[in-house]
Amino acid sequence: MARVEVKNLDGETVKELELVDEVFATPPNQSLLWEATKVYLASQRRGTHSTKSRGEVSGGGKKPWLDPFAAVAARRYGAWPAASLL
């Protein structure tokens, strides 16, 4: 069994504890340590990243011109109400 000193904020030893070998004498899990480190470092970031919303991006309004080939195809297949007038 391993013995550990418990210290207060002034650095004085308050008491000693004995740690059970079945719990504390295991080999370290490297992947678990990596995940814990990654989570800790991620929580230390400021987190000021953002993405632009729909209103902040440029463009995206109405099409400035109508594709003539799409208009012909739409009339041919009856997608527009005026298709029956042709």
Foldseek 3Di string as FASTA:
>chain_A
DDKDFDADPVGDTDDIDDDDCVPPVDDDDVVVVVVVVVVVVVVPDPPPDDDDDPVPDPDPDDDPDDDVVVVVVCLVVVVDVCSVVD
